[in-house]
Amino acid sequence: MEKLRDNLSEETNYKEKISRLVGEQKFGEAINYLHQVIDYDKDNTQAKVLLEQVKKINQFQSRDIFAQTNLDMDPWLE
């Protein structure tokens, strides 16, 4: 936790790390790091907003477009 505290001494430092992780498409690591930031500073609304945004990005990235078997939307198959 002390390492996190040192990293959060500059406000933009965690934002840069999150930006790097999202750019590398490491959404799980970004979400875990944002949870640590929020645990350290419960009033950090920017981190909470970033967390929700990264979760949405992860949700859309991991969506399975072939989960529905009737891709042509044929009414007689439904």
C-alpha atoms as a PDB file:
ATOM      1  CA  MET A   1       0.000   0.000   0.000  1.00  0.00           C
ATOM      2  CA  GLU A   2       2.956   2.290   0.610  1.00  0.00           C
ATOM      3  CA  LYS A   3       4.044   1.862  -2.999  1.00  0.00           C
ATOM      4  CA  LEU A   4       0.556   2.893  -4.111  1.00  0.00           C
ATOM      5  CA  ARG A   5       0.683   5.879  -1.771  1.00  0.00           C
ATOM      6  CA  ASP A   6       3.979   6.958  -3.342  1.00  0.00           C
ATOM      7  CA  ASN A   7       2.489   6.554  -6.809  1.00  0.00           C
ATOM      8  CA  LEU A   8      -0.538   8.644  -5.883  1.00  0.00           C
ATOM      9  CA  SER A   9       1.568  11.532  -4.601  1.00  0.00           C
ATOM     10  CA  GLU A  10       1.143  13.093  -8.031  1.00  0.00           C
ATOM     11  CA  GLU A  11      -2.484  13.147  -9.103  1.00  0.00           C
ATOM     12  CA  THR A  12      -1.834  12.553 -12.790  1.00  0.00           C
ATOM     13  CA  ASN A  13       0.489   9.603 -12.172  1.00  0.00           C
ATOM     14  CA  TYR A  14      -2.284   7.051 -11.748  1.00  0.00           C
ATOM     15  CA  LYS A  15      -4.118   8.478 -14.762  1.00  0.00           C
ATOM     16  CA  GLU A  16      -1.016   7.980 -16.887  1.00  0.00           C
ATOM     17  CA  LYS A  17      -0.693   4.396 -15.670  1.00  0.00           C
ATOM     18  CA  ILE A  18      -4.359   3.684 -16.424  1.00  0.00           C
ATOM     19  CA  SER A  19      -3.975   5.265 -19.856  1.00  0.00           C
ATOM     20  CA  ARG A  20      -0.951   3.070 -20.567  1.00  0.00           C
ATOM     21  CA  LEU A  21      -2.723  -0.088 -19.388  1.00  0.00           C
ATOM     22  CA  VAL A  22      -5.823   0.646 -21.468  1.00  0.00           C
ATOM     23  CA  GLY A  23      -3.636   1.431 -24.472  1.00  0.00           C
ATOM     24  CA  GLU A  24      -1.996  -1.974 -24.052  1.00  0.00           C
ATOM     25  CA  GLN A  25      -5.487  -3.487 -23.669  1.00  0.00           C
ATOM     26  CA  LYS A  26      -4.705  -4.764 -20.171  1.00  0.00           C
ATOM     27  CA  PHE A  27      -8.176  -4.008 -18.874  1.00  0.00           C
ATOM     28  CA  GLY A  28      -8.024  -6.422 -15.945  1.00  0.00           C
ATOM     29  CA  GLU A  29      -4.872  -4.807 -14.590  1.00  0.00           C
ATOM     30  CA  ALA A  30      -6.378  -1.344 -15.070  1.00  0.00           C
ATOM     31  CA  ILE A  31      -9.529  -2.351 -13.181  1.00  0.00           C
ATOM     32  CA  ASN A  32      -7.495  -3.873 -10.332  1.00  0.00           C
ATOM     33  CA  TYR A  33      -5.296  -0.783 -10.088  1.00  0.00           C
ATOM     34  CA  LEU A  34      -8.324   1.519 -10.035  1.00  0.00           C
ATOM     35  CA  HIS A  35      -9.822  -0.560  -7.220  1.00  0.00           C
ATOM     36  CA  GLN A  36      -6.593   0.005  -5.269  1.00  0.00           C
ATOM     37  CA  VAL A  37      -6.774   3.749  -5.950  1.00  0.00           C
ATOM     38  CA  ILE A  38     -10.382   3.884  -4.762  1.00  0.00           C
ATOM     39  CA  ASP A  39      -9.549   1.832  -1.640  1.00  0.00           C
ATOM     40  CA  TYR A  40      -6.783   4.307  -0.855  1.00  0.00           C
ATOM     41  CA  ASP A  41      -8.909   7.411  -1.525  1.00  0.00           C
ATOM     42  CA  LYS A  42     -12.631   6.698  -1.208  1.00  0.00           C
ATOM     43  CA  ASP A  43     -13.567  10.249  -2.303  1.00  0.00           C
ATOM     44  CA  ASN A  44     -11.732  10.082  -5.624  1.00  0.00           C
ATOM     45  CA  THR A  45     -14.622  10.528  -8.040  1.00  0.00           C
ATOM     46  CA  GLN A  46     -12.348  10.669 -11.087  1.00  0.00           C
ATOM     47  CA  ALA A  47     -11.027   7.202 -10.314  1.00  0.00           C
ATOM     48  CA  LYS A  48     -14.585   5.929  -9.871  1.00  0.00           C
ATOM     49  CA  VAL A  49     -15.597   7.350 -13.251  1.00  0.00           C
ATOM     50  CA  LEU A  50     -12.485   5.875 -14.881  1.00  0.00           C
ATOM     51  CA  LEU A  51     -13.302   2.513 -13.327  1.00  0.00           C
ATOM     52  CA  GLU A  52     -16.800   2.515 -14.821  1.00  0.00           C
ATOM     53  CA  GLN A  53     -15.426   3.548 -18.218  1.00  0.00           C
ATOM     54  CA  VAL A  54     -12.767   0.836 -18.234  1.00  0.00           C
ATOM     55  CA  LYS A  55     -15.370  -1.744 -17.182  1.00  0.00           C
ATOM     56  CA  LYS A  56     -17.588  -0.680 -20.112  1.00  0.00           C
ATOM     57  CA  ILE A  57     -14.661  -0.875 -22.531  1.00  0.00           C
ATOM     58  CA  ASN A  58     -13.827  -4.336 -21.234  1.00  0.00           C
ATOM     59  CA  GLN A  59     -17.449  -5.394 -21.555  1.00  0.00           C
ATOM     60  CA  PHE A  60     -17.605  -4.340 -25.210  1.00  0.00           C
ATOM     61  CA  GLN A  61     -14.191  -5.828 -26.015  1.00  0.00           C
ATOM     62  CA  SER A  62     -15.141  -9.216 -24.620  1.00  0.00           C
ATOM     63  CA  ARG A  63     -18.612  -9.377 -26.164  1.00  0.00           C
ATOM     64  CA  ASP A  64     -19.162 -12.544 -28.152  1.00  0.00           C
ATOM     65  CA  ILE A  65     -20.873 -11.582 -31.393  1.00  0.00           C
ATOM     66  CA  PHE A  66     -21.381 -15.227 -32.341  1.00  0.00           C
ATOM     67  CA  ALA A  67     -23.258 -16.119 -29.161  1.00  0.00           C
ATOM     68  CA  GLN A  68     -26.566 -15.904 -30.995  1.00  0.00           C
ATOM     69  CA  THR A  69     -26.991 -18.766 -33.431  1.00  0.00           C
ATOM     70  CA  ASN A  70     -29.581 -17.079 -35.642  1.00  0.00           C
ATOM     71  CA  LEU A  71     -27.317 -14.408 -37.139  1.00  0.00           C
ATOM     72  CA  ASP A  72     -29.526 -13.891 -40.191  1.00  0.00           C
ATOM     73  CA  MET A  73     -32.511 -13.199 -37.924  1.00  0.00           C
ATOM     74  CA  ASP A  74     -34.683 -15.693 -39.780  1.00  0.00           C
ATOM     75  CA  PRO A  75     -38.125 -15.568 -38.121  1.00  0.00           C
ATOM     76  CA  TRP A  76     -38.832 -19.266 -38.664  1.00  0.00           C
ATOM     77  CA  LEU A  77     -35.769 -20.239 -36.613  1.00  0.00           C
ATOM     78  CA  GLU A  78     -36.726 -18.321 -33.502  1.00  0.00           C
END
